[in-house]
Amino acid sequence: MKVLFLAPQPGGPNRLTEYSFLEEELQALSASGIQMHVLADGPRNPGVQESVVVHRIPGGRKMSQVASTLRFLGRSAQSSLARPFPRPFRTLYHYARIEAFAADVVREQKIDVIHSHFAWPGGFGGSLASADANVPLVATFRGMDLNYRPEAGYGLRLNPFFSGALGSLFRQASRTTYVSRFMRNQGLAAGATDDSSVVIPKGVDLRKFRPVSNRARLRTELGIDRPLILSVGGLIEGKGVEFTLQALARLKADLDFSLVVCGEGAGRERLEALTRELNLAGRVRLLGYVPRHEIPRYFSAADVFVHSALWEASGNVLLEAMASGRPVVCTAAGGPPEYVSDGETGFVVPIRDPARLSERIRQLLQSPGLADDMGANGRRRAEAYFSYEGMINQIIEVYREVMSGSGSSAAMPSGHH
């Protein structure tokens, strides 16, 4: 089987995609025996990189390339797939040029399935290439592609071109897949069809993320000498770290703890100022970027994992905490309640509610036995429903279904509440 894996481009020459979790997924699919192909729009050379075949997108200024792209657009318009085309034309030309190259790769390499993520570039998500080359398309939606908040300036659908292009993607995709029922509902509202829309839950590497026998020693190795409350995520408004800080300000008088935040982002200065304002400076460490291979140690060392997001498609970090055997306190921010079982593997609280957040963190810090029991339940839940191998197998099953033209069978197990 050959798959063209279309994902946002990386910022550096040594990456295959922009997001590390997509890179891991790509490599896992390759390791399963599928010949994976990607497109590169940058300085990287074509060829085989880490067992994945890389095709470099050519520049679009040659007259022959312009003529070819215009012919491609003409064929797309005749198929009614992309009419009316979104504007402006310069943007349309840019994304059509890339889709046209994808179609050429599909034909030349005899690709069996196109699989796009985040609606790839611009919202067409491989739909024009799929129609032109006559191969099935799987489109996976992961968060910011559908989930948008105009009041916060968040989401790709704020871009009128992107929003207009999505119609073609929904019409052409043989399957649209989502990381949660919350995201699937957004897909249906945006134009996806019910019978082709399936939920494939996120998976976690149960070998990398696992419990340890001596968390106190691991905390010491990490330079932490108090009970550890952990948060992992970007320092942006949607992650709601300020509400974690406000919750902990309610606990500082009578509980000992350190909050460690792994992640970077534009909100760092604002969070540093809030930390000082709340007199938490001695209790909070904003670590910034932490290498991916170091992250599992922080999860294993944590006493409580807190994720106070305002909106979230799923939350990879929730699974990483559960796999590490640690209890989770998260917000009902969309997808998280489908992953964290409230009262069993942790607690789910309303968004923007530092009082409830504080109450649940206190309960777990003051009841280590309860925290350990919930952590053990989380590990069992991760093993039962969220193994990485299980996720990859479900993706491959979708590939097989669209190749055979059969009905949909991949779905989130009924045991997910």
Protein backbone atom coordinates (compact mmCIF):
# COMPACT_ATOMS: atom_id res chain seq x y z
CA MET A 1 0.00 0.00 0.00
CA LYS A 2 1.21 3.49 -0.88
CA VAL A 3 -0.10 6.58 0.94
CA LEU A 4 0.53 10.26 0.25
CA PHE A 5 0.56 11.90 3.68
CA LEU A 6 -0.31 15.59 3.38
CA ALA A 7 0.47 17.65 6.47
CA PRO A 8 1.50 21.23 7.30
CA GLN A 9 5.09 21.91 6.37
CA PRO A 10 7.86 22.07 8.99
CA GLY A 11 9.89 25.13 9.79
CA GLY A 12 13.24 23.33 9.60
CA PRO A 13 14.98 21.07 7.07
CA ASN A 14 15.21 18.03 9.34
CA ARG A 15 11.49 17.57 9.91
CA LEU A 16 8.85 15.92 7.74
CA THR A 17 5.86 17.78 9.19
CA GLU A 18 5.27 20.82 11.40
CA TYR A 19 3.93 18.82 14.36
CA SER A 20 5.89 16.20 16.27
CA PHE A 21 2.80 14.06 16.88
CA LEU A 22 2.15 13.90 13.13
CA GLU A 23 5.78 13.03 12.51
CA GLU A 24 5.45 10.15 14.99
CA GLU A 25 2.26 8.99 13.30
CA LEU A 26 3.89 9.13 9.88
CA GLN A 27 6.86 7.07 11.06
CA ALA A 28 4.59 4.52 12.77
CA LEU A 29 2.58 4.03 9.58
CA SER A 30 5.84 3.56 7.68
CA ALA A 31 7.03 1.02 10.26
CA SER A 32 3.79 -0.91 9.77
CA GLY A 33 4.81 -1.68 6.20
CA ILE A 34 3.03 1.10 4.31
CA GLN A 35 5.11 3.04 1.82
CA MET A 36 4.62 6.64 2.99
CA HIS A 37 5.13 9.66 0.74
CA VAL A 38 5.23 13.34 1.74
CA LEU A 39 5.60 16.63 -0.10
CA ALA A 40 8.35 19.12 0.78
CA ASP A 41 8.02 22.83 0.11
CA GLY A 42 11.45 24.12 1.05
CA PRO A 43 15.19 23.49 0.98
CA ARG A 44 15.06 19.75 1.57
CA ASN A 45 16.21 17.43 -1.21
CA PRO A 46 13.86 14.83 -2.63
CA GLY A 47 14.53 11.21 -1.84
CA VAL A 48 14.09 8.87 1.09
CA GLN A 49 14.29 10.41 4.55
CA GLU A 50 13.87 8.09 7.54
CA SER A 51 12.14 5.48 5.34
CA VAL A 52 9.62 8.06 4.03
CA VAL A 53 9.72 9.14 0.36
CA VAL A 54 9.99 12.92 0.04
CA HIS A 55 8.88 14.81 -3.10
CA ARG A 56 9.96 18.42 -3.39
CA ILE A 57 7.32 20.83 -4.71
CA PRO A 58 8.72 22.80 -7.67
CA GLY A 59 8.53 26.57 -7.90
CA GLY A 60 5.52 28.03 -9.64
CA ARG A 61 6.95 30.88 -11.75
CA LYS A 62 7.82 29.05 -14.98
CA MET A 63 5.34 29.58 -17.78
CA SER A 64 4.93 25.84 -18.22
CA GLN A 65 4.08 25.49 -14.52
CA VAL A 66 1.57 28.35 -14.74
CA ALA A 67 -0.10 26.81 -17.77
CA SER A 68 -0.23 23.38 -16.12
CA THR A 69 -1.80 24.82 -12.97
CA LEU A 70 -4.41 26.74 -14.97
CA ARG A 71 -5.34 23.56 -16.86
CA PHE A 72 -5.62 21.77 -13.51
CA LEU A 73 -7.94 24.50 -12.22
CA GLY A 74 -10.02 24.18 -15.37
CA ARG A 75 -10.49 20.45 -14.82
CA SER A 76 -11.40 21.05 -11.17
CA ALA A 77 -14.00 23.66 -12.13
CA GLN A 78 -15.53 21.38 -14.74
CA SER A 79 -15.97 18.66 -12.12
CA SER A 80 -18.00 21.12 -10.01
CA LEU A 81 -15.87 19.98 -7.08
CA ALA A 82 -14.53 23.41 -6.20
CA ARG A 83 -17.11 25.84 -7.58
CA PRO A 84 -17.34 28.60 -6.72
CA PHE A 85 -13.62 28.90 -6.14
CA PRO A 86 -12.72 30.98 -3.09
CA ARG A 87 -10.89 34.26 -3.68
CA PRO A 88 -8.43 35.92 -4.07
CA PHE A 89 -7.07 34.33 -7.25
CA ARG A 90 -3.43 34.63 -6.16
CA THR A 91 -4.18 32.49 -3.11
CA LEU A 92 -6.23 30.09 -5.22
CA TYR A 93 -3.37 29.71 -7.67
CA HIS A 94 -0.87 29.02 -4.87
CA TYR A 95 -2.85 26.17 -3.36
CA ALA A 96 -3.98 24.80 -6.73
CA ARG A 97 -0.32 24.59 -7.81
CA ILE A 98 0.46 22.43 -4.79
CA GLU A 99 -2.65 20.27 -5.29
CA ALA A 100 -1.68 19.80 -8.96
CA PHE A 101 1.77 18.61 -7.95
CA ALA A 102 0.19 16.20 -5.45
CA ALA A 103 -1.97 14.79 -8.25
CA ASP A 104 1.15 14.28 -10.39
CA VAL A 105 2.89 12.43 -7.55
CA VAL A 106 -0.17 10.21 -7.08
CA ARG A 107 -0.16 9.21 -10.74
CA GLU A 108 3.62 8.78 -11.07
CA GLN A 109 4.03 6.80 -7.84
CA LYS A 110 0.76 4.85 -8.19
CA ILE A 111 -0.42 6.08 -4.78
CA ASP A 112 -3.40 4.17 -3.35
CA VAL A 113 -4.72 6.68 -0.79
CA ILE A 114 -4.26 10.37 -0.01
CA HIS A 115 -4.40 11.18 3.72
CA SER A 116 -4.50 14.88 4.66
CA HIS A 117 -4.33 16.59 8.06
CA PHE A 118 -5.49 20.03 9.23
CA ALA A 119 -7.07 20.43 5.75
CA TRP A 120 -3.39 20.49 4.63
CA PRO A 121 -2.58 23.90 3.19
CA GLY A 122 -5.40 26.26 2.58
CA GLY A 123 -8.45 24.07 3.18
CA PHE A 124 -8.60 22.04 -0.03
CA GLY A 125 -6.83 19.23 1.87
CA GLY A 126 -5.92 17.12 -1.15
CA SER A 127 -9.47 17.16 -2.54
CA LEU A 128 -8.52 18.62 -5.93
CA ALA A 129 -5.64 16.16 -6.26
CA SER A 130 -7.86 13.24 -5.24
CA ALA A 131 -10.49 14.10 -7.84
CA ASP A 132 -7.95 14.76 -10.61
CA ALA A 133 -5.98 11.55 -10.01
CA ASN A 134 -9.06 9.49 -9.12
CA VAL A 135 -7.82 8.03 -5.82
CA PRO A 136 -9.65 7.96 -2.47
CA LEU A 137 -9.05 10.70 0.09
CA VAL A 138 -9.05 10.46 3.89
CA ALA A 139 -9.17 13.85 5.63
CA THR A 140 -8.33 14.02 9.34
CA PHE A 141 -9.43 17.03 11.38
CA ARG A 142 -7.53 17.68 14.59
CA GLY A 143 -8.52 20.96 16.20
CA MET A 144 -7.75 24.40 14.85
CA ASP A 145 -8.92 23.35 11.36
CA LEU A 146 -12.56 23.18 12.57
CA ASN A 147 -12.52 24.49 16.13
CA TYR A 148 -12.43 28.26 16.02
CA ARG A 149 -13.10 31.11 18.41
CA PRO A 150 -13.59 34.48 16.68
CA GLU A 151 -13.47 36.32 19.99
CA ALA A 152 -9.97 34.97 20.60
CA GLY A 153 -8.74 35.15 17.02
CA TYR A 154 -8.30 31.36 17.00
CA GLY A 155 -8.90 28.90 14.20
CA LEU A 156 -8.07 28.45 10.53
CA ARG A 157 -11.70 29.00 9.56
CA LEU A 158 -11.29 32.68 10.40
CA ASN A 159 -9.54 32.88 7.03
CA PRO A 160 -12.29 33.32 4.40
CA PHE A 161 -10.33 31.40 1.76
CA PHE A 162 -9.79 28.43 4.06
CA SER A 163 -13.44 28.41 5.10
CA GLY A 164 -14.57 28.54 1.47
CA ALA A 165 -12.22 25.77 0.39
CA LEU A 166 -13.47 23.30 3.02
CA GLY A 167 -16.61 22.58 0.99
CA SER A 168 -14.54 20.85 -1.68
CA LEU A 169 -12.78 18.77 0.94
CA PHE A 170 -15.99 17.55 2.55
CA ARG A 171 -17.52 16.71 -0.84
CA GLN A 172 -14.53 14.74 -2.09
CA ALA A 173 -13.30 12.88 1.02
CA SER A 174 -14.20 9.19 1.17
CA ARG A 175 -13.73 9.43 4.92
CA THR A 176 -13.35 12.31 7.34
CA THR A 177 -11.86 11.29 10.66
CA TYR A 178 -11.81 13.08 13.99
CA VAL A 179 -10.02 12.71 17.31
CA SER A 180 -13.23 13.04 19.36
CA ARG A 181 -17.01 13.06 19.02
CA PHE A 182 -16.82 16.74 19.87
CA MET A 183 -14.76 17.31 16.71
CA ARG A 184 -16.98 15.03 14.63
CA ASN A 185 -19.99 17.12 15.53
CA GLN A 186 -18.16 20.21 14.34
CA GLY A 187 -17.33 18.43 11.10
CA LEU A 188 -20.97 17.51 10.54
CA ALA A 189 -22.02 21.10 11.20
CA ALA A 190 -19.43 22.31 8.67
CA GLY A 191 -20.63 20.00 5.89
CA ALA A 192 -19.31 16.47 6.45
CA THR A 193 -21.69 13.57 5.86
CA ASP A 194 -22.72 11.34 8.73
CA ASP A 195 -21.99 7.98 7.10
CA SER A 196 -18.42 8.90 6.10
CA SER A 197 -17.41 10.60 9.37
CA VAL A 198 -15.62 8.42 11.92
CA VAL A 199 -13.87 8.97 15.24
CA ILE A 200 -10.39 7.53 15.69
CA PRO A 201 -9.26 8.30 19.24
CA LYS A 202 -5.74 9.51 19.86
CA GLY A 203 -3.21 6.92 20.95
CA VAL A 204 -0.33 7.10 23.39
CA ASP A 205 2.97 5.23 23.44
CA LEU A 206 2.55 3.03 26.49
CA ARG A 207 6.26 2.22 26.55
CA LYS A 208 7.47 5.82 26.60
CA PHE A 209 4.81 7.01 29.03
CA ARG A 210 4.58 4.69 32.02
CA PRO A 211 4.46 4.76 35.82
CA VAL A 212 7.65 4.68 37.88
CA SER A 213 8.20 3.04 41.24
CA ASN A 214 9.87 6.01 42.93
CA ARG A 215 8.38 9.34 41.92
CA ALA A 216 10.04 11.20 44.79
CA ARG A 217 13.49 10.25 43.52
CA LEU A 218 12.57 11.22 39.97
CA ARG A 219 11.34 14.61 41.19
CA THR A 220 14.67 15.13 42.93
CA GLU A 221 16.52 14.28 39.71
CA LEU A 222 14.44 16.95 37.98
CA GLY A 223 15.35 19.49 40.66
CA ILE A 224 11.90 19.59 42.27
CA ASP A 225 11.65 19.28 46.05
CA ARG A 226 7.88 19.67 46.56
CA PRO A 227 4.76 17.80 45.42
CA LEU A 228 4.62 18.33 41.68
CA ILE A 229 1.65 19.74 39.79
CA LEU A 230 2.37 19.46 36.07
CA SER A 231 0.99 21.27 33.04
CA VAL A 232 2.16 20.68 29.48
CA GLY A 233 1.09 22.85 26.55
CA GLY A 234 1.57 26.06 24.68
CA LEU A 235 1.52 29.34 26.58
CA ILE A 236 -1.45 30.63 24.61
CA GLU A 237 -4.90 31.80 25.60
CA GLY A 238 -6.68 28.58 24.62
CA LYS A 239 -4.69 26.48 27.09
CA GLY A 240 -6.04 28.49 30.05
CA VAL A 241 -2.88 28.33 32.17
CA GLU A 242 -3.94 31.52 33.95
CA PHE A 243 -6.84 29.63 35.50
CA THR A 244 -4.44 27.03 36.89
CA LEU A 245 -2.44 29.86 38.46
CA GLN A 246 -5.59 31.39 39.94
CA ALA A 247 -6.61 28.01 41.33
CA LEU A 248 -3.22 27.46 42.96
CA ALA A 249 -3.30 30.91 44.55
CA ARG A 250 -6.19 29.56 46.64
CA LEU A 251 -4.00 26.69 47.89
CA LYS A 252 -0.70 28.39 48.63
CA ALA A 253 -1.52 29.26 52.27
CA ASP A 254 -1.84 25.69 53.52
CA LEU A 255 -0.50 23.31 50.85
CA ASP A 256 3.03 22.68 49.66
CA PHE A 257 3.47 22.28 45.90
CA SER A 258 5.39 23.30 42.80
CA LEU A 259 3.73 23.96 39.47
CA VAL A 260 5.90 23.08 36.49
CA VAL A 261 4.73 24.18 33.05
CA CYS A 262 6.41 22.64 30.00
CA GLY A 263 5.72 24.70 26.89
CA GLU A 264 6.39 27.98 25.18
CA GLY A 265 4.29 30.63 23.52
CA ALA A 266 3.35 34.26 23.15
CA GLY A 267 1.63 34.39 26.55
CA ARG A 268 4.75 33.80 28.63
CA GLU A 269 5.24 37.39 29.80
CA ARG A 270 1.57 37.69 30.74
CA LEU A 271 1.76 34.48 32.78
CA GLU A 272 4.99 35.58 34.46
CA ALA A 273 3.31 38.85 35.48
CA LEU A 274 0.27 36.97 36.82
CA THR A 275 2.54 34.65 38.79
CA ARG A 276 4.11 37.63 40.52
CA GLU A 277 0.74 39.28 41.08
CA LEU A 278 -0.57 36.14 42.79
CA ASN A 279 2.59 35.78 44.91
CA LEU A 280 3.35 32.40 43.38
CA ALA A 281 6.84 33.22 42.12
CA GLY A 282 8.49 30.67 44.39
CA ARG A 283 6.01 27.95 43.46
CA VAL A 284 5.87 28.19 39.65
CA ARG A 285 8.46 27.22 37.05
CA LEU A 286 7.77 28.03 33.40
CA LEU A 287 10.32 25.77 31.73
CA GLY A 288 9.66 26.80 28.14
CA TYR A 289 10.53 24.26 25.48
CA VAL A 290 11.35 20.81 26.84
CA PRO A 291 12.78 18.24 24.38
CA ARG A 292 10.26 15.57 23.47
CA HIS A 293 12.42 12.77 24.86
CA GLU A 294 12.51 14.50 28.27
CA ILE A 295 8.74 14.99 28.61
CA PRO A 296 7.89 11.45 29.86
CA ARG A 297 10.04 11.98 32.96
CA TYR A 298 7.95 14.97 34.02
CA PHE A 299 4.71 13.04 33.59
CA SER A 300 6.01 10.10 35.60
CA ALA A 301 7.24 12.39 38.38
CA ALA A 302 4.00 14.36 38.73
CA ASP A 303 1.60 14.07 41.64
CA VAL A 304 -1.25 15.68 39.70
CA PHE A 305 -1.58 16.67 36.05
CA VAL A 306 -3.69 19.78 35.34
CA HIS A 307 -5.06 20.87 31.96
CA SER A 308 -7.28 23.94 32.22
CA ALA A 309 -7.89 24.51 28.49
CA LEU A 310 -10.71 26.71 27.24
CA TRP A 311 -11.14 24.66 24.07
CA GLU A 312 -9.52 21.38 23.11
CA ALA A 313 -10.12 18.80 20.39
CA SER A 314 -8.78 15.93 22.47
CA GLY A 315 -5.59 16.61 24.39
CA ASN A 316 -2.61 14.34 23.75
CA VAL A 317 -1.25 15.37 27.13
CA LEU A 318 -4.23 13.84 28.92
CA LEU A 319 -3.37 10.42 27.53
CA GLU A 320 0.30 10.89 28.37
CA ALA A 321 -0.61 11.62 31.99
CA MET A 322 -2.97 8.65 32.17
CA ALA A 323 -0.41 6.30 30.61
CA SER A 324 2.08 7.54 33.22
CA GLY A 325 -0.30 6.47 35.97
CA ARG A 326 -1.09 9.98 37.17
CA PRO A 327 -4.49 11.50 38.00
CA VAL A 328 -5.81 14.28 35.76
CA VAL A 329 -7.76 17.42 36.52
CA CYS A 330 -9.04 18.86 33.24
CA THR A 331 -11.76 21.15 31.96
CA ALA A 332 -14.86 20.29 29.96
CA ALA A 333 -13.30 22.06 26.99
CA GLY A 334 -14.74 19.92 24.18
CA GLY A 335 -12.88 16.64 23.67
CA PRO A 336 -11.23 16.07 27.09
CA PRO A 337 -14.31 14.54 28.84
CA GLU A 338 -14.24 11.78 26.22
CA TYR A 339 -10.72 10.83 27.33
CA VAL A 340 -10.77 11.46 31.09
CA SER A 341 -13.39 9.50 33.02
CA ASP A 342 -14.66 11.92 35.69
CA GLY A 343 -14.34 10.45 39.18
CA GLU A 344 -12.41 7.43 37.90
CA THR A 345 -9.19 8.60 36.24
CA GLY A 346 -9.38 12.15 37.53
CA PHE A 347 -11.82 15.03 37.57
CA VAL A 348 -13.48 17.14 34.88
CA VAL A 349 -14.43 20.68 35.90
CA PRO A 350 -16.08 23.60 34.04
CA ILE A 351 -13.89 25.94 32.02
CA ARG A 352 -12.90 29.30 33.54
CA ASP A 353 -13.68 28.07 37.06
CA PRO A 354 -10.58 28.37 39.27
CA ALA A 355 -12.61 27.61 42.40
CA ARG A 356 -13.66 24.15 41.16
CA LEU A 357 -10.22 23.55 39.73
CA SER A 358 -8.67 24.41 43.09
CA GLU A 359 -11.05 22.14 44.96
CA ARG A 360 -10.14 19.08 42.87
CA ILE A 361 -6.40 19.75 42.97
CA ARG A 362 -6.63 20.07 46.76
CA GLN A 363 -8.53 16.79 47.00
CA LEU A 364 -5.82 14.91 45.11
CA LEU A 365 -2.88 16.53 46.91
CA GLN A 366 -4.42 15.80 50.31
CA SER A 367 -5.39 12.21 49.39
CA PRO A 368 -2.34 10.51 47.87
CA GLY A 369 -4.11 7.15 47.97
CA LEU A 370 -6.98 8.50 45.88
CA ALA A 371 -4.50 10.08 43.48
CA ASP A 372 -2.64 6.78 43.06
CA ASP A 373 -5.87 4.83 42.55
CA MET A 374 -7.05 7.27 39.89
CA GLY A 375 -3.64 7.15 38.25
CA ALA A 376 -3.78 3.34 38.14
CA ASN A 377 -7.26 3.55 36.63
CA GLY A 378 -5.92 5.97 34.03
CA ARG A 379 -3.15 3.57 33.06
CA ARG A 380 -5.66 0.75 32.65
CA ARG A 381 -7.95 2.97 30.57
CA ALA A 382 -5.05 3.98 28.33
CA GLU A 383 -4.11 0.35 27.83
CA ALA A 384 -7.69 -0.66 27.05
CA TYR A 385 -8.71 2.15 24.69
CA PHE A 386 -5.82 4.39 23.75
CA SER A 387 -2.79 2.34 22.74
CA TYR A 388 -0.75 3.84 19.93
CA GLU A 389 -0.83 0.55 18.06
CA GLY A 390 -4.62 0.55 18.27
CA MET A 391 -4.81 4.02 16.75
CA ILE A 392 -2.47 3.08 13.88
CA ASN A 393 -4.46 -0.10 13.20
CA GLN A 394 -7.69 1.91 12.97
CA ILE A 395 -6.09 4.32 10.49
CA ILE A 396 -4.88 1.42 8.35
CA GLU A 397 -8.35 -0.13 8.46
CA VAL A 398 -9.80 3.13 7.12
CA TYR A 399 -7.23 3.05 4.30
CA ARG A 400 -8.34 -0.47 3.40
CA GLU A 401 -12.00 0.48 3.49
CA VAL A 402 -11.66 3.45 1.15
CA MET A 403 -9.50 1.40 -1.23
CA SER A 404 -12.19 -1.27 -1.38
CA GLY A 405 -15.07 1.20 -1.38
CA SER A 406 -16.69 -0.48 1.62
CA GLY A 407 -18.75 1.16 4.36
CA SER A 408 -17.38 2.76 7.48
CA SER A 409 -16.54 0.64 10.52
CA ALA A 410 -13.92 2.63 12.45
CA ALA A 411 -15.39 4.34 15.51
CA MET A 412 -14.67 5.22 19.08
CA PRO A 413 -15.47 2.23 21.35
CA SER A 414 -18.75 2.51 23.22
CA GLY A 415 -16.87 2.30 26.51
CA HIS A 416 -15.60 5.89 26.08
CA HIS A 417 -17.57 8.25 28.26
